[in-house]
Each structure stands twice: as C-alpha cells, then as structure tokens.
Amino acid sequence: QREASFRLLFESNPLPMWVWDRETLGFLAVNDAAIAKYGYTKEQFLAMSLPDLRRRESRTDLQQFTENLEALLGRTFWHTTAEGTEIEVELHAHELVYEGRHATLVAIVDVTARRRAELELRKTREFLDSIIENIPIAVFAKNASDLSYVLLNRAGEDYFGMPREQMLG
C-alpha cells in the first residue's frame, strides 16, 4: 500500500520528477510532468542518463553533485529539453531504494522565467539608478514614517554640501 501511494504521488505530481540510479546515473522512472516539460518520451528518458540533460560544459562536475546531495541544495542547473531549449532548474532530491537499486528521487522546479524576470528587474534598476545618480539636479527621497533620508544623488550631495553617507538614515 505504501508503494502504491508513492507511485500515485509520483505519477500525478505536477512537478517534473524522476528517479535515477546512483551507480549508473541512468533514469529508473520518470513522471508525466517530466515527459511534458522535457519533451522526451518515457522510453527515451529511460534510455538516458543524467549527463544527457546537462549542458556539455557542466557535465564534468556532475559526479561531485551525485555523490553529495547536500551540494544540490540552493543550486540551480541548466538542462536541455528534447527541442534543444535550455532551462534553468532547481532540484530537490531524496535518496531511496527503488526496485532494489540505490537511487535518488528528484523533483524539478523550472526557474528560467523567474531568473529572466530578476535579470530584467536588475537591469532596469541599474538603468534608473544611473539616471538618478547623473541627473544634474538634486534628487532625494525620505522615509514617510520617520522622515529620514533614504536616497540622495551626487547633485544632492553638492546642494546640501554633505556626503550622502552622513545624510542617509
């Protein structure tokens, strides 16, 4: 009954998941969400191994992560789908015995869109910060609750005659 519950949770999980053999790095099981996300058939997945999904330049460091699951925590990796699209993913892993094999269960979270949005936000912020810093008039902002200065540009330093380190806060 426990195995049936595991299989139900594994197969119906909306996150892409797979089980890989810790000795061969080959896939032992893959759920429908992984098949849909990566575009490989179940048969293709089961004929592949972990390095087949990784960028060529990052395949060499794969062994150190497969030996130490703690090293996976908080890390992202680039995987390649069947169509050749690269996606950035976070992995959540747990060791287990699967059909008598020492294996690892992995759940995958695609963070590609989030990373792209974070990058765009950072670029926009850097652009706006550059404009504010270089505009030839004093620009400053104060905290509404305590009226402390939270922003001061270079022209503001000249206007007030003080370095921003002394004014901010």
Protein backbone atom coordinates (compact mmCIF):
# COMPACT_ATOMS: atom_id res chain seq x y z
CA GLN A 1 0.00 0.00 0.00
CA ARG A 2 2.88 2.35 0.80
CA GLU A 3 4.45 1.69 -2.61
CA ALA A 4 1.10 2.26 -4.32
CA SER A 5 0.76 5.61 -2.53
CA PHE A 6 4.30 6.57 -3.56
CA ARG A 7 3.60 5.69 -7.20
CA LEU A 8 0.34 7.67 -7.17
CA LEU A 9 2.08 10.76 -5.71
CA PHE A 10 4.98 10.38 -8.13
CA GLU A 11 2.91 9.87 -11.26
CA SER A 12 0.31 12.55 -10.55
CA ASN A 13 2.68 15.19 -9.21
CA PRO A 14 2.55 18.43 -11.24
CA LEU A 15 6.31 18.89 -10.74
CA PRO A 16 8.61 17.06 -13.12
CA MET A 17 10.12 14.16 -11.18
CA TRP A 18 12.40 11.25 -11.85
CA VAL A 19 14.33 8.55 -10.08
CA TRP A 20 17.94 7.93 -11.11
CA ASP A 21 20.31 5.11 -10.31
CA ARG A 22 23.17 6.35 -8.11
CA GLU A 23 25.60 3.87 -9.66
CA THR A 24 24.90 4.25 -13.39
CA LEU A 25 23.25 7.74 -13.33
CA GLY A 26 20.56 6.24 -15.58
CA PHE A 27 16.89 7.07 -15.19
CA LEU A 28 14.82 4.37 -13.49
CA ALA A 29 11.46 6.16 -13.52
CA VAL A 30 10.04 9.42 -14.81
CA ASN A 31 6.62 11.03 -14.30
CA ASP A 32 4.27 12.54 -16.87
CA ALA A 33 5.14 16.11 -15.82
CA ALA A 34 8.81 15.49 -16.68
CA ILE A 35 7.84 13.99 -20.02
CA ALA A 36 5.70 17.04 -20.81
CA LYS A 37 8.34 19.53 -19.59
CA TYR A 38 11.36 18.00 -21.30
CA GLY A 39 9.67 16.64 -24.43
CA TYR A 40 11.25 13.18 -24.30
CA THR A 41 9.09 10.08 -24.36
CA LYS A 42 9.15 7.78 -21.35
CA GLU A 43 11.16 5.27 -23.36
CA GLN A 44 13.70 7.94 -24.36
CA PHE A 45 14.08 9.06 -20.76
CA LEU A 46 14.61 5.51 -19.51
CA ALA A 47 17.36 5.03 -22.12
CA MET A 48 19.13 8.24 -20.98
CA SER A 49 21.27 9.22 -18.01
CA LEU A 50 21.74 12.46 -16.07
CA PRO A 51 24.60 13.79 -18.25
CA ASP A 52 22.29 13.67 -21.28
CA LEU A 53 20.24 16.54 -19.82
CA ARG A 54 23.16 18.76 -18.80
CA ARG A 55 24.99 21.42 -20.78
CA ARG A 56 28.17 19.95 -22.25
CA GLU A 57 30.44 22.24 -20.24
CA SER A 58 28.77 21.30 -16.94
CA ARG A 59 28.78 17.53 -17.38
CA THR A 60 32.20 17.11 -15.77
CA ASP A 61 31.08 18.49 -12.39
CA LEU A 62 28.09 16.17 -12.31
CA GLN A 63 29.86 13.41 -10.39
CA GLN A 64 30.58 15.60 -7.35
CA PHE A 65 26.90 16.52 -7.03
CA THR A 66 25.63 12.99 -7.48
CA GLU A 67 27.89 11.86 -4.63
CA ASN A 68 26.81 14.68 -2.28
CA LEU A 69 23.11 15.54 -2.40
CA GLU A 70 23.68 18.36 0.12
CA ALA A 71 25.63 20.15 -2.62
CA LEU A 72 22.42 20.33 -4.66
CA LEU A 73 20.59 22.47 -2.11
CA GLY A 74 20.19 26.06 -3.20
CA ARG A 75 21.90 25.43 -6.54
CA THR A 76 20.46 25.78 -10.00
CA PHE A 77 21.47 23.80 -13.06
CA TRP A 78 20.94 24.13 -16.79
CA HIS A 79 19.10 21.29 -18.51
CA THR A 80 18.42 20.83 -22.21
CA THR A 81 15.00 19.72 -23.45
CA ALA A 82 14.37 17.41 -26.41
CA GLU A 83 13.90 20.51 -28.61
CA GLY A 84 17.30 21.88 -27.53
CA THR A 85 15.88 24.61 -25.30
CA GLU A 86 17.90 25.29 -22.18
CA ILE A 87 16.03 25.71 -18.91
CA GLU A 88 17.38 26.66 -15.51
CA VAL A 89 16.13 24.38 -12.76
CA GLU A 90 16.31 23.91 -9.01
CA LEU A 91 16.50 20.33 -7.86
CA HIS A 92 15.07 18.83 -4.70
CA ALA A 93 16.46 15.36 -4.05
CA HIS A 94 15.99 12.48 -1.65
CA GLU A 95 17.87 9.18 -1.50
CA LEU A 96 15.85 5.98 -1.57
CA VAL A 97 15.92 2.36 -2.62
CA TYR A 98 13.96 1.88 -5.84
CA GLU A 99 13.38 -1.63 -7.16
CA GLY A 100 16.39 -2.81 -5.18
CA ARG A 101 18.69 -0.07 -6.53
CA HIS A 102 20.36 2.70 -4.53
CA ALA A 103 18.64 5.67 -6.16
CA THR A 104 17.67 9.32 -5.85
CA LEU A 105 14.22 10.81 -6.26
CA VAL A 106 14.37 14.30 -7.78
CA ALA A 107 11.70 16.98 -8.11
CA ILE A 108 12.46 19.77 -10.58
CA VAL A 109 11.34 23.40 -10.38
CA ASP A 110 11.86 25.43 -13.57
CA VAL A 111 13.19 28.84 -12.52
CA THR A 112 14.02 30.11 -16.03
CA ALA A 113 11.23 32.70 -16.21
CA ARG A 114 11.88 33.88 -12.65
CA ARG A 115 15.61 34.31 -13.32
CA ARG A 116 14.88 36.17 -16.55
CA ALA A 117 12.48 38.50 -14.70
CA GLU A 118 15.05 39.06 -11.93
CA LEU A 119 17.69 39.92 -14.53
CA GLU A 120 15.37 42.37 -16.29
CA LEU A 121 14.44 43.96 -12.97
CA ARG A 122 18.11 44.33 -12.03
CA LYS A 123 18.95 45.89 -15.42
CA THR A 124 16.02 48.31 -15.13
CA ARG A 125 17.01 49.25 -11.60
CA GLU A 126 20.64 49.83 -12.63
CA PHE A 127 19.46 51.98 -15.54
CA LEU A 128 17.19 54.08 -13.32
CA ASP A 129 19.86 54.36 -10.62
CA SER A 130 22.30 55.62 -13.25
CA ILE A 131 19.84 58.25 -14.43
CA ILE A 132 19.09 59.43 -10.88
CA GLU A 133 22.77 59.50 -9.95
CA ASN A 134 23.78 61.52 -13.02
CA ILE A 135 20.89 63.95 -13.35
CA PRO A 136 22.24 67.50 -12.77
CA ILE A 137 19.62 68.44 -10.14
CA ALA A 138 19.35 67.32 -6.55
CA VAL A 139 17.20 64.24 -6.13
CA PHE A 140 16.42 62.87 -2.69
CA ALA A 141 13.80 60.73 -1.01
CA LYS A 142 12.73 60.45 2.59
CA ASN A 143 11.15 57.67 4.56
CA ALA A 144 7.49 58.61 5.14
CA SER A 145 7.37 57.31 8.70
CA ASP A 146 10.45 58.94 10.23
CA LEU A 147 11.47 61.45 7.52
CA SER A 148 15.00 60.03 7.34
CA TYR A 149 16.80 60.33 4.01
CA VAL A 150 16.84 57.08 2.06
CA LEU A 151 18.14 58.37 -1.31
CA LEU A 152 20.43 61.16 -2.34
CA ASN A 153 22.17 61.63 -5.67
CA ARG A 154 25.52 63.27 -6.44
CA ALA A 155 23.91 66.65 -7.22
CA GLY A 156 22.12 66.40 -3.87
CA GLU A 157 25.46 65.97 -2.11
CA ASP A 158 26.67 69.15 -3.81
CA TYR A 159 23.43 71.00 -2.99
CA PHE A 160 23.47 70.07 0.72
CA GLY A 161 27.25 70.24 0.96
CA MET A 162 27.45 66.85 2.69
CA PRO A 163 28.41 63.35 1.58
CA ARG A 164 25.43 61.02 1.31
CA GLU A 165 26.91 58.70 3.96
CA GLN A 166 26.26 61.44 6.51
CA MET A 167 22.75 62.22 5.25
CA LEU A 168 21.28 58.78 4.64
CA GLY A 169 19.44 57.28 7.58
